[in-house]
Amino acid sequence: MALTYPLNFPSVGVQGMNMRLIRVNAVTQSPFTLKPQIFEHQGTRWEAEITLPPLTDQESRVVQAFLTGLKGQVGTFLFGNPLHTSPYGTATTVTLSANASIGDDELTCNGDGTLLAGDYFQLGSGDDARIHQVVEDVTVGTGSTVKIEPPVRASANSGDSLVLTNPKGAWRLTTADVEWAINNASIYGFTIPCVEAL
């Protein structure tokens, strides 16, 4: 029986992570005034390199199976910022009070507390799971505006919840090749380059 995607990320811990938000901008500059013109295209996605802690042969097997089970760029997996397990604000429940369309960078929400700039949350589930970040402090009440980045990539409906605890998005490997390092003490090293699965 085939694996069902997205896979859950192995529970072996994370030693380090480089995470960045990639945008597509076009920039031209006047040769006379040197004044730039900047055009913002809609393309944006998260990218990351996830470094796992050193693992023994036995500990590494679940990671090896996870990587080979992804079949390169075919499969997807769920992953989030490992340090962000809950918001720094006081909100525990936030729901959309209006539909969210692709490209929206503001959400209309109902909630019960504050969301602070930098708080992460998840919209959607499975392969449609997306990670967003709050970019301005807000007290969420009835019909409050929550400013976010990146913009909405999959439409969401009024009543949908913002997942505030352990938010995750769908990711895929950046290449069809997978590899790991093994040293003479039989310790395995893994760095997993991945991109948001759009």
Protein backbone atom coordinates (compact mmCIF):
# COMPACT_ATOMS: atom_id res chain seq x y z
CA MET A 1 0.00 0.00 0.00
CA ALA A 2 1.37 3.43 -0.97
CA LEU A 3 2.31 6.03 1.62
CA THR A 4 -0.22 8.77 2.29
CA TYR A 5 1.10 12.31 1.97
CA PRO A 6 1.82 14.59 3.68
CA LEU A 7 4.06 12.57 5.99
CA ASN A 8 4.68 13.60 9.59
CA PHE A 9 8.21 14.83 10.25
CA PRO A 10 10.26 12.36 12.34
CA SER A 11 10.34 13.07 16.09
CA VAL A 12 14.12 13.22 16.47
CA GLY A 13 14.53 16.90 17.31
CA VAL A 14 16.05 19.73 15.30
CA GLN A 15 19.60 20.97 15.85
CA GLY A 16 19.36 23.99 13.57
CA MET A 17 17.32 25.52 10.80
CA ASN A 18 17.73 28.21 8.17
CA MET A 19 14.30 29.54 7.20
CA ARG A 20 13.54 32.31 4.73
CA LEU A 21 10.64 33.83 2.85
CA ILE A 22 11.35 34.14 -0.88
CA ARG A 23 9.59 36.84 -2.91
CA VAL A 24 9.51 37.59 -6.62
CA ASN A 25 10.16 41.29 -7.28
CA ALA A 26 11.16 43.04 -10.49
CA VAL A 27 13.44 46.05 -10.15
CA THR A 28 14.45 48.54 -12.83
CA GLN A 29 16.51 51.65 -12.30
CA SER A 30 16.55 54.83 -14.35
CA PRO A 31 20.00 55.38 -15.90
CA PHE A 32 19.47 59.12 -15.50
CA THR A 33 18.00 59.61 -12.02
CA LEU A 34 18.99 56.24 -10.51
CA LYS A 35 15.49 56.12 -9.09
CA PRO A 36 14.29 52.49 -8.91
CA GLN A 37 10.89 51.18 -9.90
CA ILE A 38 9.89 48.08 -8.00
CA PHE A 39 7.09 45.71 -9.01
CA GLU A 40 5.84 43.08 -6.57
CA HIS A 41 4.82 39.83 -8.25
CA GLN A 42 2.53 37.40 -6.45
CA GLY A 43 5.11 34.63 -6.09
CA THR A 44 6.23 33.97 -2.51
CA ARG A 45 7.18 30.84 -0.57
CA TRP A 46 9.03 29.59 2.48
CA GLU A 47 12.35 27.77 2.02
CA ALA A 48 14.45 26.02 4.65
CA GLU A 49 17.39 23.77 5.45
CA ILE A 50 16.67 21.62 8.50
CA THR A 51 19.68 20.18 10.34
CA LEU A 52 18.99 17.24 12.64
CA PRO A 53 21.06 16.39 15.72
CA PRO A 54 23.68 13.63 15.44
CA LEU A 55 21.86 10.28 15.38
CA THR A 56 22.93 6.71 16.05
CA ASP A 57 22.35 4.05 13.41
CA GLN A 58 19.15 2.91 15.13
CA GLU A 59 17.86 6.48 15.64
CA SER A 60 18.61 7.37 12.02
CA ARG A 61 16.52 4.62 10.44
CA VAL A 62 13.21 6.46 10.89
CA VAL A 63 14.76 9.51 9.18
CA GLN A 64 16.18 7.42 6.35
CA ALA A 65 12.77 5.81 5.80
CA PHE A 66 11.10 9.24 5.91
CA LEU A 67 13.47 10.67 3.28
CA THR A 68 13.30 7.71 0.93
CA GLY A 69 9.52 7.53 1.38
CA LEU A 70 9.16 11.08 0.07
CA LYS A 71 10.35 9.82 -3.34
CA GLY A 72 12.31 12.97 -4.00
CA GLN A 73 10.03 15.90 -4.81
CA VAL A 74 6.95 13.71 -5.23
CA GLY A 75 5.89 13.44 -1.58
CA THR A 76 5.14 16.15 0.95
CA PHE A 77 5.53 16.47 4.71
CA LEU A 78 4.27 18.70 7.52
CA PHE A 79 6.71 20.91 9.38
CA GLY A 80 6.75 24.20 11.28
CA ASN A 81 9.15 26.51 13.08
CA PRO A 82 10.42 24.18 15.86
CA LEU A 83 10.66 27.03 18.40
CA HIS A 84 7.16 28.35 17.78
CA THR A 85 4.77 25.99 19.52
CA SER A 86 2.28 28.69 20.56
CA PRO A 87 1.79 32.43 19.99
CA TYR A 88 3.50 34.99 22.20
CA GLY A 89 0.18 36.84 22.29
CA THR A 90 -2.67 35.77 24.58
CA ALA A 91 -5.09 34.51 21.89
CA THR A 92 -6.10 30.86 22.18
CA THR A 93 -8.91 30.78 19.58
CA VAL A 94 -9.05 32.79 16.37
CA THR A 95 -11.41 32.10 13.45
CA LEU A 96 -12.02 33.81 10.14
CA SER A 97 -15.16 35.97 10.19
CA ALA A 98 -15.01 36.50 6.40
CA ASN A 99 -13.75 34.42 3.49
CA ALA A 100 -10.04 34.80 2.64
CA SER A 101 -9.05 34.91 -1.02
CA ILE A 102 -5.73 34.11 -2.66
CA GLY A 103 -3.47 37.16 -2.42
CA ASP A 104 -5.08 38.63 0.72
CA ASP A 105 -2.56 39.98 3.23
CA GLU A 106 -5.23 40.94 5.76
CA LEU A 107 -7.67 38.55 7.43
CA THR A 108 -10.94 39.48 9.13
CA CYS A 109 -11.13 37.45 12.32
CA ASN A 110 -12.97 36.83 15.56
CA GLY A 111 -10.93 35.90 18.59
CA ASP A 112 -10.24 36.08 22.28
CA GLY A 113 -6.95 37.89 22.86
CA THR A 114 -3.83 39.33 21.28
CA LEU A 115 -1.62 38.19 18.44
CA LEU A 116 1.82 39.77 18.38
CA ALA A 117 4.01 40.62 15.41
CA GLY A 118 6.05 37.51 14.62
CA ASP A 119 3.44 34.99 15.81
CA TYR A 120 3.02 32.08 13.40
CA PHE A 121 -0.24 30.34 12.57
CA GLN A 122 -1.50 27.71 10.15
CA LEU A 123 -4.33 27.97 7.63
CA GLY A 124 -5.62 24.80 5.97
CA SER A 125 -4.68 21.17 6.54
CA GLY A 126 -2.92 18.31 4.78
CA ASP A 127 -1.28 19.38 1.52
CA ASP A 128 -3.20 22.68 1.77
CA ALA A 129 -1.58 23.57 5.12
CA ARG A 130 0.20 26.93 4.95
CA ILE A 131 2.28 28.81 7.54
CA HIS A 132 1.70 32.55 7.89
CA GLN A 133 3.11 35.15 10.24
CA VAL A 134 1.40 38.07 11.92
CA VAL A 135 3.21 41.32 11.00
CA GLU A 136 1.50 43.78 13.35
CA ASP A 137 0.30 43.46 16.96
CA VAL A 138 -3.50 43.14 17.13
CA THR A 139 -6.13 42.57 19.79
CA VAL A 140 -8.51 40.10 18.18
CA GLY A 141 -12.15 40.67 19.01
CA THR A 142 -15.12 40.62 16.64
CA GLY A 143 -14.26 41.45 13.03
CA SER A 144 -10.65 42.41 13.76
CA THR A 145 -8.11 42.86 10.96
CA VAL A 146 -5.03 40.65 11.21
CA LYS A 147 -2.17 41.66 8.88
CA ILE A 148 -0.16 38.68 7.65
CA GLU A 149 2.70 37.55 5.43
CA PRO A 150 3.00 35.75 3.14
CA PRO A 151 -0.37 36.49 1.52
CA VAL A 152 -3.04 33.77 1.41
CA ARG A 153 -2.13 31.08 -1.15
CA ALA A 154 -5.20 28.83 -0.81
CA SER A 155 -8.65 30.32 -0.22
CA ALA A 156 -10.21 29.82 3.21
CA ASN A 157 -13.79 30.12 4.41
CA SER A 158 -15.43 32.14 7.12
CA GLY A 159 -15.44 30.01 10.27
CA ASP A 160 -12.10 28.33 9.50
CA SER A 161 -9.71 28.36 12.45
CA LEU A 162 -6.21 29.77 12.55
CA VAL A 163 -4.13 26.97 14.08
CA LEU A 164 -2.07 28.70 16.76
CA THR A 165 -0.57 25.68 18.55
CA ASN A 166 2.23 23.88 16.69
CA PRO A 167 1.39 25.46 13.31
CA LYS A 168 2.73 23.53 10.33
CA GLY A 169 2.82 23.86 6.59
CA ALA A 170 3.23 21.38 3.75
CA TRP A 171 6.81 21.08 2.44
CA ARG A 172 8.66 19.09 -0.20
CA LEU A 173 12.33 18.35 -0.85
CA THR A 174 14.19 20.72 -3.18
CA THR A 175 15.71 17.87 -5.17
CA ALA A 176 14.98 14.30 -6.20
CA ASP A 177 18.20 13.17 -4.50
CA VAL A 178 18.46 12.36 -0.79
CA GLU A 179 21.67 11.90 1.18
CA TRP A 180 23.10 11.64 4.66
CA ALA A 181 26.57 11.51 6.19
CA ILE A 182 27.99 8.72 8.33
CA ASN A 183 31.21 9.14 10.31
CA ASN A 184 33.64 6.55 11.71
CA ALA A 185 31.80 6.58 15.08
CA SER A 186 28.65 5.36 13.27
CA ILE A 187 26.93 8.70 13.83
CA TYR A 188 24.61 9.99 11.13
CA GLY A 189 24.20 13.60 10.03
CA PHE A 190 21.20 14.91 8.12
CA THR A 191 20.51 18.30 6.52
CA ILE A 192 17.16 18.45 4.72
CA PRO A 193 16.74 21.21 2.11
CA CYS A 194 13.06 21.87 1.44
CA VAL A 195 10.56 24.35 0.03
CA GLU A 196 6.93 25.07 0.78
CA ALA A 197 4.71 22.73 -1.25
CA LEU A 198 2.57 25.16 -3.23
